[in-house]
């Protein structure tokens, strides 16, 4: 299988590495300014096997820096690993779809409506949608030691990458992932899983950022956890309304004490410094967090659904962004003096 991975960030490199290991011919489409960093390939660290002391070399790849370079190429799959906000920026996606011939277009973005956005451009008969079931980041994080900079990843053994879409195209993607050692399966509707699962993660990350990325501080802030739980319920109700499905039982049963327990246990369940990772990753995708919040609020308002908790959490998160910006400006000023 010949696969084009769009974006060579942490997720893109990790998935590309595994797909190549499974026998796929992998190319990356990246911005020209990132080409020099890709010369000679990529370095990765599997935190579940070998860890930080055993770098993996990923050199069996081709780097493209322009959609024009796709002319004359034939790909079986285009795997899009950019953020939701980047997905909707400019006309590049339409140009890519046009240049990719009959290739399957596979998206992984968690934003509400991302699936419909891509299907509107590529057509429903070409689009497969999946969920990212891994943690990947640019190593080293603060306080982390690795032999050389690279991408560290951790793939929980109990999770599977779910995909849904046209049967033959979906099965081909599932087979490619499995060949590369990524446990995968075909499901009836990945979009419902995404739309009803993303609010829990994204809204609690907004709450966590508003208390300075401290798990203990969020665990102690019962008022904020109660607000977050209400916001999750409201955002999920929006998704259920748009997809014409029921709000999942687990969302209806969600309580702040359950989140407090998770915040207490989570650091011991992952082989990395969790607070440092969350701060690094979700700060980087802050535009995606903001877009998701605004999308849920606007959709709830249009549908006449409750959204007061979403607005309050959005405002509290935005205030933390302002404080962080002021702090950065102050640091730069002090450095200049």
C-alpha atoms as a PDB file:
ATOM      1  CA  UNK A   1       0.000   0.000   0.000  1.00  0.00           C
ATOM      2  CA  UNK A   2       1.229   3.474  -0.884  1.00  0.00           C
ATOM      3  CA  UNK A   3       0.342   6.024   1.816  1.00  0.00           C
ATOM      4  CA  UNK A   4       0.688   9.795   1.986  1.00  0.00           C
ATOM      5  CA  UNK A   5       0.774  11.167   5.542  1.00  0.00           C
ATOM      6  CA  UNK A   6      -0.191  14.837   5.665  1.00  0.00           C
ATOM      7  CA  UNK A   7       1.702  16.450   8.531  1.00  0.00           C
ATOM      8  CA  UNK A   8       4.790  15.080  10.255  1.00  0.00           C
ATOM      9  CA  UNK A   9       4.070  16.048  13.821  1.00  0.00           C
ATOM     10  CA  UNK A  10       4.137  13.583  16.690  1.00  0.00           C
ATOM     11  CA  UNK A  11       1.055  11.651  15.577  1.00  0.00           C
ATOM     12  CA  UNK A  12       2.017  11.697  11.906  1.00  0.00           C
ATOM     13  CA  UNK A  13       5.517  10.375  12.534  1.00  0.00           C
ATOM     14  CA  UNK A  14       4.291   7.675  14.910  1.00  0.00           C
ATOM     15  CA  UNK A  15       1.604   6.376  12.560  1.00  0.00           C
ATOM     16  CA  UNK A  16       3.887   6.682   9.534  1.00  0.00           C
ATOM     17  CA  UNK A  17       6.573   4.669  11.304  1.00  0.00           C
ATOM     18  CA  UNK A  18       4.178   1.837  12.108  1.00  0.00           C
ATOM     19  CA  UNK A  19       2.606   1.796   8.650  1.00  0.00           C
ATOM     20  CA  UNK A  20       6.068   1.578   7.077  1.00  0.00           C
ATOM     21  CA  UNK A  21       6.973  -1.211   9.486  1.00  0.00           C
ATOM     22  CA  UNK A  22       3.923  -3.079   8.200  1.00  0.00           C
ATOM     23  CA  UNK A  23       5.172  -2.902   4.639  1.00  0.00           C
ATOM     24  CA  UNK A  24       3.527   0.287   3.368  1.00  0.00           C
ATOM     25  CA  UNK A  25       5.412   2.756   1.191  1.00  0.00           C
ATOM     26  CA  UNK A  26       5.114   5.979   3.209  1.00  0.00           C
ATOM     27  CA  UNK A  27       5.506   9.574   2.036  1.00  0.00           C
ATOM     28  CA  UNK A  28       5.036  12.733   4.089  1.00  0.00           C
ATOM     29  CA  UNK A  29       3.588  16.022   2.858  1.00  0.00           C
ATOM     30  CA  UNK A  30       5.045  18.781   5.040  1.00  0.00           C
ATOM     31  CA  UNK A  31       5.663  22.513   4.900  1.00  0.00           C
ATOM     32  CA  UNK A  32       8.878  23.520   3.098  1.00  0.00           C
ATOM     33  CA  UNK A  33      10.329  25.054   6.268  1.00  0.00           C
ATOM     34  CA  UNK A  34      10.258  21.625   7.927  1.00  0.00           C
ATOM     35  CA  UNK A  35      12.096  19.830   5.122  1.00  0.00           C
ATOM     36  CA  UNK A  36      15.592  20.272   6.533  1.00  0.00           C
ATOM     37  CA  UNK A  37      14.545  18.677   9.830  1.00  0.00           C
ATOM     38  CA  UNK A  38      13.287  15.650   7.895  1.00  0.00           C
ATOM     39  CA  UNK A  39      16.571  15.046   6.094  1.00  0.00           C
ATOM     40  CA  UNK A  40      17.951  11.700   7.156  1.00  0.00           C
ATOM     41  CA  UNK A  41      14.606  10.578   8.581  1.00  0.00           C
ATOM     42  CA  UNK A  42      13.074  10.740  12.034  1.00  0.00           C
ATOM     43  CA  UNK A  43      13.985   9.481  15.517  1.00  0.00           C
ATOM     44  CA  UNK A  44      11.295   7.946  17.710  1.00  0.00           C
ATOM     45  CA  UNK A  45      11.054   6.398  21.182  1.00  0.00           C
ATOM     46  CA  UNK A  46       8.551   3.674  22.053  1.00  0.00           C
ATOM     47  CA  UNK A  47       7.760   4.232  25.732  1.00  0.00           C
ATOM     48  CA  UNK A  48       6.023   0.858  25.867  1.00  0.00           C
ATOM     49  CA  UNK A  49       9.022  -1.116  24.552  1.00  0.00           C
ATOM     50  CA  UNK A  50      12.614  -0.018  24.869  1.00  0.00           C
ATOM     51  CA  UNK A  51      11.736   3.389  26.221  1.00  0.00           C
ATOM     52  CA  UNK A  52      13.870   6.505  26.121  1.00  0.00           C
ATOM     53  CA  UNK A  53      17.178   4.634  26.012  1.00  0.00           C
ATOM     54  CA  UNK A  54      16.416   2.890  22.701  1.00  0.00           C
ATOM     55  CA  UNK A  55      15.860   5.333  19.822  1.00  0.00           C
ATOM     56  CA  UNK A  56      14.134   4.016  16.712  1.00  0.00           C
ATOM     57  CA  UNK A  57      15.307   5.208  13.300  1.00  0.00           C
ATOM     58  CA  UNK A  58      12.638   5.930  10.674  1.00  0.00           C
ATOM     59  CA  UNK A  59      14.382   6.493   7.345  1.00  0.00           C
ATOM     60  CA  UNK A  60      12.283   4.478   4.894  1.00  0.00           C
ATOM     61  CA  UNK A  61      10.195   7.452   3.760  1.00  0.00           C
ATOM     62  CA  UNK A  62       9.801  10.122   1.090  1.00  0.00           C
ATOM     63  CA  UNK A  63       9.380  13.820   1.843  1.00  0.00           C
ATOM     64  CA  UNK A  64       7.145  16.062  -0.289  1.00  0.00           C
ATOM     65  CA  UNK A  65       6.782  19.790   0.330  1.00  0.00           C
ATOM     66  CA  UNK A  66       4.173  20.763  -2.268  1.00  0.00           C
ATOM     67  CA  UNK A  67       0.869  19.402  -3.508  1.00  0.00           C
ATOM     68  CA  UNK A  68       2.237  19.929  -7.014  1.00  0.00           C
ATOM     69  CA  UNK A  69       4.680  17.086  -6.339  1.00  0.00           C
ATOM     70  CA  UNK A  70       1.730  14.672  -6.194  1.00  0.00           C
ATOM     71  CA  UNK A  71       1.326  14.945  -9.967  1.00  0.00           C
ATOM     72  CA  UNK A  72       2.077  11.564 -11.505  1.00  0.00           C
ATOM     73  CA  UNK A  73       1.965   9.820  -8.110  1.00  0.00           C
ATOM     74  CA  UNK A  74      -0.703   7.284  -7.151  1.00  0.00           C
ATOM     75  CA  UNK A  75      -1.548   6.816  -3.486  1.00  0.00           C
ATOM     76  CA  UNK A  76      -3.897   4.273  -1.961  1.00  0.00           C
ATOM     77  CA  UNK A  77      -4.493   6.342   1.164  1.00  0.00           C
ATOM     78  CA  UNK A  78      -4.047   9.927   2.295  1.00  0.00           C
ATOM     79  CA  UNK A  79      -3.817  10.063   6.093  1.00  0.00           C
ATOM     80  CA  UNK A  80      -4.480  13.566   7.416  1.00  0.00           C
ATOM     81  CA  UNK A  81      -2.852  14.178  10.810  1.00  0.00           C
ATOM     82  CA  UNK A  82      -3.080  17.985  11.115  1.00  0.00           C
ATOM     83  CA  UNK A  83      -5.251  19.733  13.733  1.00  0.00           C
ATOM     84  CA  UNK A  84      -8.940  20.554  13.274  1.00  0.00           C
ATOM     85  CA  UNK A  85      -8.150  24.243  12.877  1.00  0.00           C
ATOM     86  CA  UNK A  86      -5.498  23.554  10.224  1.00  0.00           C
ATOM     87  CA  UNK A  87      -7.955  21.281   8.430  1.00  0.00           C
ATOM     88  CA  UNK A  88     -10.217  24.261   7.723  1.00  0.00           C
ATOM     89  CA  UNK A  89      -7.488  26.785   6.940  1.00  0.00           C
ATOM     90  CA  UNK A  90      -7.222  27.911   3.322  1.00  0.00           C
ATOM     91  CA  UNK A  91      -7.883  25.866   0.182  1.00  0.00           C
ATOM     92  CA  UNK A  92      -5.135  23.263   0.585  1.00  0.00           C
ATOM     93  CA  UNK A  93      -7.492  20.392   1.437  1.00  0.00           C
ATOM     94  CA  UNK A  94      -9.531  20.765  -1.757  1.00  0.00           C
ATOM     95  CA  UNK A  95      -6.310  20.974  -3.762  1.00  0.00           C
ATOM     96  CA  UNK A  96      -4.957  17.877  -2.049  1.00  0.00           C
ATOM     97  CA  UNK A  97      -8.125  15.865  -2.648  1.00  0.00           C
ATOM     98  CA  UNK A  98      -8.108  16.829  -6.316  1.00  0.00           C
ATOM     99  CA  UNK A  99      -4.440  15.830  -6.672  1.00  0.00           C
ATOM    100  CA  UNK A 100      -4.848  12.507  -4.821  1.00  0.00           C
ATOM    101  CA  UNK A 101      -6.889  10.808  -7.541  1.00  0.00           C
ATOM    102  CA  UNK A 102      -8.983   7.956  -6.154  1.00  0.00           C
ATOM    103  CA  UNK A 103      -7.030   7.560  -2.912  1.00  0.00           C
ATOM    104  CA  UNK A 104      -8.958   6.977   0.291  1.00  0.00           C
ATOM    105  CA  UNK A 105      -9.002  10.129   2.416  1.00  0.00           C
ATOM    106  CA  UNK A 106      -8.608   9.206   6.097  1.00  0.00           C
ATOM    107  CA  UNK A 107      -9.169  11.802   8.808  1.00  0.00           C
ATOM    108  CA  UNK A 108      -8.447  11.611  12.527  1.00  0.00           C
ATOM    109  CA  UNK A 109      -9.534  15.057  13.729  1.00  0.00           C
ATOM    110  CA  UNK A 110     -11.797  15.232  16.815  1.00  0.00           C
ATOM    111  CA  UNK A 111     -13.724  18.421  16.041  1.00  0.00           C
ATOM    112  CA  UNK A 112     -17.503  18.370  15.731  1.00  0.00           C
ATOM    113  CA  UNK A 113     -18.269  18.636  12.018  1.00  0.00           C
ATOM    114  CA  UNK A 114     -14.744  17.771  10.805  1.00  0.00           C
ATOM    115  CA  UNK A 115     -16.059  14.578   9.217  1.00  0.00           C
ATOM    116  CA  UNK A 116     -18.748  16.458   7.286  1.00  0.00           C
ATOM    117  CA  UNK A 117     -16.244  19.117   6.228  1.00  0.00           C
ATOM    118  CA  UNK A 118     -13.948  16.532   4.637  1.00  0.00           C
ATOM    119  CA  UNK A 119     -16.813  14.544   3.114  1.00  0.00           C
ATOM    120  CA  UNK A 120     -18.146  17.751   1.591  1.00  0.00           C
ATOM    121  CA  UNK A 121     -14.857  18.167  -0.266  1.00  0.00           C
ATOM    122  CA  UNK A 122     -13.875  14.570  -1.043  1.00  0.00           C
ATOM    123  CA  UNK A 123     -17.255  12.841  -1.185  1.00  0.00           C
ATOM    124  CA  UNK A 124     -18.626  10.334   1.318  1.00  0.00           C
ATOM    125  CA  UNK A 125     -17.583   7.373  -0.835  1.00  0.00           C
ATOM    126  CA  UNK A 126     -13.868   8.204  -0.384  1.00  0.00           C
ATOM    127  CA  UNK A 127     -13.698   9.231   3.281  1.00  0.00           C
ATOM    128  CA  UNK A 128     -12.816   7.013   6.252  1.00  0.00           C
ATOM    129  CA  UNK A 129     -12.706   8.425   9.772  1.00  0.00           C
ATOM    130  CA  UNK A 130     -10.707   7.204  12.739  1.00  0.00           C
ATOM    131  CA  UNK A 131      -9.749   7.967  16.317  1.00  0.00           C
ATOM    132  CA  UNK A 132      -6.239   8.518  17.656  1.00  0.00           C
ATOM    133  CA  UNK A 133      -5.605   5.985  20.418  1.00  0.00           C
ATOM    134  CA  UNK A 134      -2.075   6.940  21.436  1.00  0.00           C
ATOM    135  CA  UNK A 135       0.008   9.588  23.154  1.00  0.00           C
ATOM    136  CA  UNK A 136       2.846  11.110  21.144  1.00  0.00           C
ATOM    137  CA  UNK A 137       4.950  14.193  21.707  1.00  0.00           C
ATOM    138  CA  UNK A 138       8.197  15.947  20.867  1.00  0.00           C
ATOM    139  CA  UNK A 139      10.822  14.657  23.275  1.00  0.00           C
ATOM    140  CA  UNK A 140      12.382  15.711  25.488  1.00  0.00           C
ATOM    141  CA  UNK A 141       9.750  17.340  27.628  1.00  0.00           C
ATOM    142  CA  UNK A 142      10.993  19.563  30.424  1.00  0.00           C
ATOM    143  CA  UNK A 143      12.980  17.386  32.818  1.00  0.00           C
ATOM    144  CA  UNK A 144      13.082  14.411  30.427  1.00  0.00           C
ATOM    145  CA  UNK A 145      16.314  12.846  29.175  1.00  0.00           C
ATOM    146  CA  UNK A 146      16.681  11.224  25.741  1.00  0.00           C
ATOM    147  CA  UNK A 147      19.841  10.456  23.696  1.00  0.00           C
ATOM    148  CA  UNK A 148      18.696  12.863  20.970  1.00  0.00           C
ATOM    149  CA  UNK A 149      15.541  14.874  20.246  1.00  0.00           C
ATOM    150  CA  UNK A 150      12.740  12.932  18.614  1.00  0.00           C
ATOM    151  CA  UNK A 151       9.160  11.776  18.996  1.00  0.00           C
ATOM    152  CA  UNK A 152       8.190   9.697  22.034  1.00  0.00           C
ATOM    153  CA  UNK A 153       5.013   7.654  21.843  1.00  0.00           C
ATOM    154  CA  UNK A 154       2.950   5.357  24.010  1.00  0.00           C
ATOM    155  CA  UNK A 155       0.201   3.100  22.666  1.00  0.00           C
ATOM    156  CA  UNK A 156      -2.017   1.614  25.420  1.00  0.00           C
ATOM    157  CA  UNK A 157      -2.281  -2.122  24.878  1.00  0.00           C
ATOM    158  CA  UNK A 158      -6.012  -2.342  25.631  1.00  0.00           C
ATOM    159  CA  UNK A 159      -7.106   0.275  23.092  1.00  0.00           C
ATOM    160  CA  UNK A 160      -7.861  -0.211  19.404  1.00  0.00           C
ATOM    161  CA  UNK A 161      -7.889   2.354  16.612  1.00  0.00           C
ATOM    162  CA  UNK A 162     -11.519   2.409  15.363  1.00  0.00           C
ATOM    163  CA  UNK A 163     -12.364   3.357  11.768  1.00  0.00           C
ATOM    164  CA  UNK A 164     -15.633   3.757   9.900  1.00  0.00           C
ATOM    165  CA  UNK A 165     -16.548   4.503   6.302  1.00  0.00           C
ATOM    166  CA  UNK A 166     -17.065   2.628   3.027  1.00  0.00           C
ATOM    167  CA  UNK A 167     -16.459  -1.035   3.766  1.00  0.00           C
ATOM    168  CA  UNK A 168     -13.638  -1.904   1.360  1.00  0.00           C
ATOM    169  CA  UNK A 169     -11.709   1.303   2.025  1.00  0.00           C
ATOM    170  CA  UNK A 170     -12.106   0.941   5.790  1.00  0.00           C
ATOM    171  CA  UNK A 171     -10.960  -2.662   5.780  1.00  0.00           C
ATOM    172  CA  UNK A 172      -7.870  -1.718   3.770  1.00  0.00           C
ATOM    173  CA  UNK A 173      -6.918   0.890   6.377  1.00  0.00           C
ATOM    174  CA  UNK A 174      -7.584  -1.475   9.271  1.00  0.00           C
ATOM    175  CA  UNK A 175      -5.386  -4.102   7.581  1.00  0.00           C
ATOM    176  CA  UNK A 176      -2.551  -1.587   7.055  1.00  0.00           C
ATOM    177  CA  UNK A 177      -2.675  -0.508  10.701  1.00  0.00           C
ATOM    178  CA  UNK A 178      -2.730  -4.094  11.942  1.00  0.00           C
ATOM    179  CA  UNK A 179       0.210  -5.020   9.712  1.00  0.00           C
ATOM    180  CA  UNK A 180       2.195  -2.252  11.387  1.00  0.00           C
ATOM    181  CA  UNK A 181       1.374  -3.502  14.882  1.00  0.00           C
ATOM    182  CA  UNK A 182      -1.456  -1.054  15.605  1.00  0.00           C
ATOM    183  CA  UNK A 183      -4.523  -2.837  16.956  1.00  0.00           C
ATOM    184  CA  UNK A 184      -7.476  -1.638  14.874  1.00  0.00           C
ATOM    185  CA  UNK A 185     -11.077  -2.466  14.055  1.00  0.00           C
ATOM    186  CA  UNK A 186     -13.941  -1.369  11.843  1.00  0.00           C
ATOM    187  CA  UNK A 187     -16.912   0.149  13.677  1.00  0.00           C
ATOM    188  CA  UNK A 188     -20.290   1.397  12.525  1.00  0.00           C
ATOM    189  CA  UNK A 189     -19.834   5.101  13.323  1.00  0.00           C
ATOM    190  CA  UNK A 190     -16.571   6.628  14.508  1.00  0.00           C
ATOM    191  CA  UNK A 191     -18.052  10.126  14.310  1.00  0.00           C
ATOM    192  CA  UNK A 192     -20.480   9.374  17.126  1.00  0.00           C
ATOM    193  CA  UNK A 193     -17.615   8.101  19.293  1.00  0.00           C
ATOM    194  CA  UNK A 194     -15.607  11.235  18.495  1.00  0.00           C
ATOM    195  CA  UNK A 195     -18.400  13.742  18.950  1.00  0.00           C
ATOM    196  CA  UNK A 196     -19.501  12.350  22.292  1.00  0.00           C
ATOM    197  CA  UNK A 197     -16.011  11.573  23.619  1.00  0.00           C
ATOM    198  CA  UNK A 198     -14.081  14.695  22.637  1.00  0.00           C
ATOM    199  CA  UNK A 199     -15.988  17.038  25.003  1.00  0.00           C
ATOM    200  CA  UNK A 200     -14.828  15.107  28.065  1.00  0.00           C
ATOM    201  CA  UNK A 201     -11.163  15.435  27.147  1.00  0.00           C
ATOM    202  CA  UNK A 202     -11.161  18.906  25.627  1.00  0.00           C
ATOM    203  CA  UNK A 203     -13.277  20.605  28.269  1.00  0.00           C
ATOM    204  CA  UNK A 204     -11.316  19.121  31.144  1.00  0.00           C
ATOM    205  CA  UNK A 205      -8.110  20.234  29.412  1.00  0.00           C
ATOM    206  CA  UNK A 206      -9.557  23.756  29.261  1.00  0.00           C
ATOM    207  CA  UNK A 207     -10.273  23.520  32.986  1.00  0.00           C
ATOM    208  CA  UNK A 208      -6.793  22.160  33.665  1.00  0.00           C
ATOM    209  CA  UNK A 209      -5.167  24.980  31.705  1.00  0.00           C
ATOM    210  CA  UNK A 210      -7.174  27.537  33.671  1.00  0.00           C
ATOM    211  CA  UNK A 211      -5.477  26.320  36.878  1.00  0.00           C
ATOM    212  CA  UNK A 212      -1.973  26.310  35.410  1.00  0.00           C
ATOM    213  CA  UNK A 213      -1.818  22.656  34.313  1.00  0.00           C
ATOM    214  CA  UNK A 214      -1.778  21.384  37.887  1.00  0.00           C
ATOM    215  CA  UNK A 215      -3.651  18.102  38.336  1.00  0.00           C
ATOM    216  CA  UNK A 216      -3.749  18.561  42.099  1.00  0.00           C
ATOM    217  CA  UNK A 217      -5.128  22.104  41.755  1.00  0.00           C
ATOM    218  CA  UNK A 218      -7.919  20.928  39.483  1.00  0.00           C
ATOM    219  CA  UNK A 219      -8.643  17.987  41.758  1.00  0.00           C
ATOM    220  CA  UNK A 220      -9.028  20.385  44.673  1.00  0.00           C
ATOM    221  CA  UNK A 221     -11.270  22.848  42.800  1.00  0.00           C
ATOM    222  CA  UNK A 222     -14.676  21.234  43.293  1.00  0.00           C
ATOM    223  CA  UNK A 223     -16.515  24.213  41.813  1.00  0.00           C
ATOM    224  CA  UNK A 224     -14.483  24.046  38.593  1.00  0.00           C
ATOM    225  CA  UNK A 225     -14.924  20.274  38.317  1.00  0.00           C
ATOM    226  CA  UNK A 226     -18.676  20.664  38.744  1.00  0.00           C
ATOM    227  CA  UNK A 227     -18.671  23.338  36.042  1.00  0.00           C
ATOM    228  CA  UNK A 228     -16.633  21.099  33.737  1.00  0.00           C
ATOM    229  CA  UNK A 229     -19.018  18.181  34.233  1.00  0.00           C
ATOM    230  CA  UNK A 230     -21.976  20.396  33.328  1.00  0.00           C
ATOM    231  CA  UNK A 231     -20.114  21.726  30.287  1.00  0.00           C
ATOM    232  CA  UNK A 232     -19.353  18.177  29.108  1.00  0.00           C
ATOM    233  CA  UNK A 233     -23.042  17.342  29.376  1.00  0.00           C
ATOM    234  CA  UNK A 234     -24.023  20.441  27.387  1.00  0.00           C
ATOM    235  CA  UNK A 235     -21.413  19.889  24.642  1.00  0.00           C
ATOM    236  CA  UNK A 236     -22.363  16.228  24.318  1.00  0.00           C
ATOM    237  CA  UNK A 237     -26.024  17.207  24.057  1.00  0.00           C
ATOM    238  CA  UNK A 238     -25.082  19.437  21.118  1.00  0.00           C
ATOM    239  CA  UNK A 239     -23.269  16.566  19.410  1.00  0.00           C
ATOM    240  CA  UNK A 240     -26.158  14.175  20.055  1.00  0.00           C
ATOM    241  CA  UNK A 241     -28.608  16.730  18.659  1.00  0.00           C
ATOM    242  CA  UNK A 242     -26.612  17.223  15.460  1.00  0.00           C
ATOM    243  CA  UNK A 243     -25.998  13.508  14.917  1.00  0.00           C
ATOM    244  CA  UNK A 244     -29.530  12.560  15.992  1.00  0.00           C
ATOM    245  CA  UNK A 245     -28.323  10.058  18.576  1.00  0.00           C
ATOM    246  CA  UNK A 246     -28.803   9.559  22.289  1.00  0.00           C
ATOM    247  CA  UNK A 247     -26.414  11.094  24.812  1.00  0.00           C
ATOM    248  CA  UNK A 248     -24.297   8.138  26.019  1.00  0.00           C
ATOM    249  CA  UNK A 249     -25.144   6.728  29.422  1.00  0.00           C
ATOM    250  CA  UNK A 250     -21.626   7.350  30.735  1.00  0.00           C
ATOM    251  CA  UNK A 251     -22.044  11.073  30.088  1.00  0.00           C
ATOM    252  CA  UNK A 252     -25.380  11.163  31.891  1.00  0.00           C
ATOM    253  CA  UNK A 253     -23.765   9.400  34.854  1.00  0.00           C
ATOM    254  CA  UNK A 254     -20.627  11.586  34.910  1.00  0.00           C
ATOM    255  CA  UNK A 255     -19.914  13.135  38.318  1.00  0.00           C
ATOM    256  CA  UNK A 256     -17.053  15.364  39.549  1.00  0.00           C
ATOM    257  CA  UNK A 257     -15.863  12.748  42.063  1.00  0.00           C
ATOM    258  CA  UNK A 258     -15.168  10.367  39.186  1.00  0.00           C
ATOM    259  CA  UNK A 259     -12.954  12.957  37.517  1.00  0.00           C
ATOM    260  CA  UNK A 260     -11.173  13.635  40.831  1.00  0.00           C
ATOM    261  CA  UNK A 261     -10.388   9.922  41.084  1.00  0.00           C
ATOM    262  CA  UNK A 262      -9.071   9.875  37.518  1.00  0.00           C
ATOM    263  CA  UNK A 263      -6.896  12.933  38.167  1.00  0.00           C
ATOM    264  CA  UNK A 264      -5.410  11.182  41.186  1.00  0.00           C
ATOM    265  CA  UNK A 265      -4.751   7.872  39.392  1.00  0.00           C
ATOM    266  CA  UNK A 266      -3.749   9.033  35.895  1.00  0.00           C
ATOM    267  CA  UNK A 267      -0.094  10.004  36.562  1.00  0.00           C
ATOM    268  CA  UNK A 268       0.662   6.469  37.730  1.00  0.00           C
ATOM    269  CA  UNK A 269      -0.930   4.879  34.669  1.00  0.00           C
ATOM    270  CA  UNK A 270       1.227   6.455  31.963  1.00  0.00           C
ATOM    271  CA  UNK A 271       5.011   6.155  31.365  1.00  0.00           C
ATOM    272  CA  UNK A 272       5.613   9.903  31.080  1.00  0.00           C
ATOM    273  CA  UNK A 273       5.405  13.136  33.041  1.00  0.00           C
ATOM    274  CA  UNK A 274       1.688  13.707  32.515  1.00  0.00           C
ATOM    275  CA  UNK A 275       1.403  17.363  33.540  1.00  0.00           C
ATOM    276  CA  UNK A 276       4.334  18.363  31.337  1.00  0.00           C
ATOM    277  CA  UNK A 277       2.886  16.468  28.386  1.00  0.00           C
ATOM    278  CA  UNK A 278      -0.612  17.914  28.738  1.00  0.00           C
ATOM    279  CA  UNK A 279       0.716  21.462  29.081  1.00  0.00           C
ATOM    280  CA  UNK A 280       2.946  21.054  26.022  1.00  0.00           C
ATOM    281  CA  UNK A 281       0.420  19.350  23.764  1.00  0.00           C
ATOM    282  CA  UNK A 282      -2.757  21.249  24.567  1.00  0.00           C
ATOM    283  CA  UNK A 283      -1.025  24.615  24.599  1.00  0.00           C
ATOM    284  CA  UNK A 284       0.193  23.814  21.077  1.00  0.00           C
ATOM    285  CA  UNK A 285      -3.373  23.063  19.922  1.00  0.00           C
ATOM    286  CA  UNK A 286      -4.923  25.995  21.767  1.00  0.00           C
ATOM    287  CA  UNK A 287      -6.566  27.249  18.563  1.00  0.00           C
ATOM    288  CA  UNK A 288      -8.342  23.895  18.275  1.00  0.00           C
ATOM    289  CA  UNK A 289      -9.557  24.127  21.878  1.00  0.00           C
ATOM    290  CA  UNK A 290     -10.928  27.618  21.269  1.00  0.00           C
ATOM    291  CA  UNK A 291     -12.617  26.591  18.018  1.00  0.00           C
ATOM    292  CA  UNK A 292     -14.260  23.612  19.723  1.00  0.00           C
ATOM    293  CA  UNK A 293     -15.584  25.735  22.572  1.00  0.00           C
ATOM    294  CA  UNK A 294     -17.021  28.334  20.220  1.00  0.00           C
ATOM    295  CA  UNK A 295     -18.524  25.649  18.002  1.00  0.00           C
ATOM    296  CA  UNK A 296     -20.323  23.979  20.903  1.00  0.00           C
ATOM    297  CA  UNK A 297     -21.611  27.304  22.220  1.00  0.00           C
ATOM    298  CA  UNK A 298     -22.815  28.548  18.835  1.00  0.00           C
ATOM    299  CA  UNK A 299     -24.492  25.240  18.008  1.00  0.00           C
ATOM    300  CA  UNK A 300     -26.194  25.056  21.402  1.00  0.00           C
ATOM    301  CA  UNK A 301     -27.435  28.611  21.051  1.00  0.00           C
ATOM    302  CA  UNK A 302     -28.794  27.931  17.557  1.00  0.00           C
ATOM    303  CA  UNK A 303     -30.545  24.754  18.708  1.00  0.00           C
ATOM    304  CA  UNK A 304     -31.974  26.359  21.854  1.00  0.00           C
ATOM    305  CA  UNK A 305     -29.961  24.050  24.116  1.00  0.00           C
ATOM    306  CA  UNK A 306     -28.396  24.899  27.477  1.00  0.00           C
ATOM    307  CA  UNK A 307     -24.908  26.359  27.158  1.00  0.00           C
ATOM    308  CA  UNK A 308     -24.338  28.481  30.279  1.00  0.00           C
ATOM    309  CA  UNK A 309     -21.659  26.124  31.655  1.00  0.00           C
ATOM    310  CA  UNK A 310     -19.879  26.124  28.298  1.00  0.00           C
ATOM    311  CA  UNK A 311     -19.817  29.922  28.279  1.00  0.00           C
ATOM    312  CA  UNK A 312     -18.526  30.105  31.851  1.00  0.00           C
ATOM    313  CA  UNK A 313     -15.787  27.559  31.186  1.00  0.00           C
ATOM    314  CA  UNK A 314     -14.851  29.305  27.927  1.00  0.00           C
ATOM    315  CA  UNK A 315     -14.544  32.623  29.748  1.00  0.00           C
ATOM    316  CA  UNK A 316     -12.456  31.122  32.535  1.00  0.00           C
ATOM    317  CA  UNK A 317     -10.175  29.438  29.990  1.00  0.00           C
ATOM    318  CA  UNK A 318      -9.868  32.667  27.972  1.00  0.00           C
ATOM    319  CA  UNK A 319      -8.892  34.582  31.126  1.00  0.00           C
ATOM    320  CA  UNK A 320      -6.073  32.084  31.724  1.00  0.00           C
ATOM    321  CA  UNK A 321      -4.910  32.654  28.148  1.00  0.00           C
ATOM    322  CA  UNK A 322      -4.780  36.406  28.776  1.00  0.00           C
ATOM    323  CA  UNK A 323      -2.803  35.914  31.984  1.00  0.00           C
ATOM    324  CA  UNK A 324      -0.341  33.626  30.197  1.00  0.00           C
ATOM    325  CA  UNK A 325       0.094  36.149  27.378  1.00  0.00           C
ATOM    326  CA  UNK A 326       0.708  38.968  29.838  1.00  0.00           C
ATOM    327  CA  UNK A 327       3.222  36.837  31.699  1.00  0.00           C
ATOM    328  CA  UNK A 328       5.089  36.033  28.481  1.00  0.00           C
ATOM    329  CA  UNK A 329       5.152  39.699  27.522  1.00  0.00           C
ATOM    330  CA  UNK A 330       6.475  40.578  30.963  1.00  0.00           C
ATOM    331  CA  UNK A 331       9.208  37.931  30.674  1.00  0.00           C
ATOM    332  CA  UNK A 332      10.279  39.303  27.289  1.00  0.00           C
ATOM    333  CA  UNK A 333      10.370  42.844  28.681  1.00  0.00           C
ATOM    334  CA  UNK A 334      12.456  41.802  31.670  1.00  0.00           C
ATOM    335  CA  UNK A 335      14.790  39.909  29.346  1.00  0.00           C
ATOM    336  CA  UNK A 336      15.232  43.009  27.185  1.00  0.00           C
ATOM    337  CA  UNK A 337      16.089  45.059  30.220  1.00  0.00           C
END
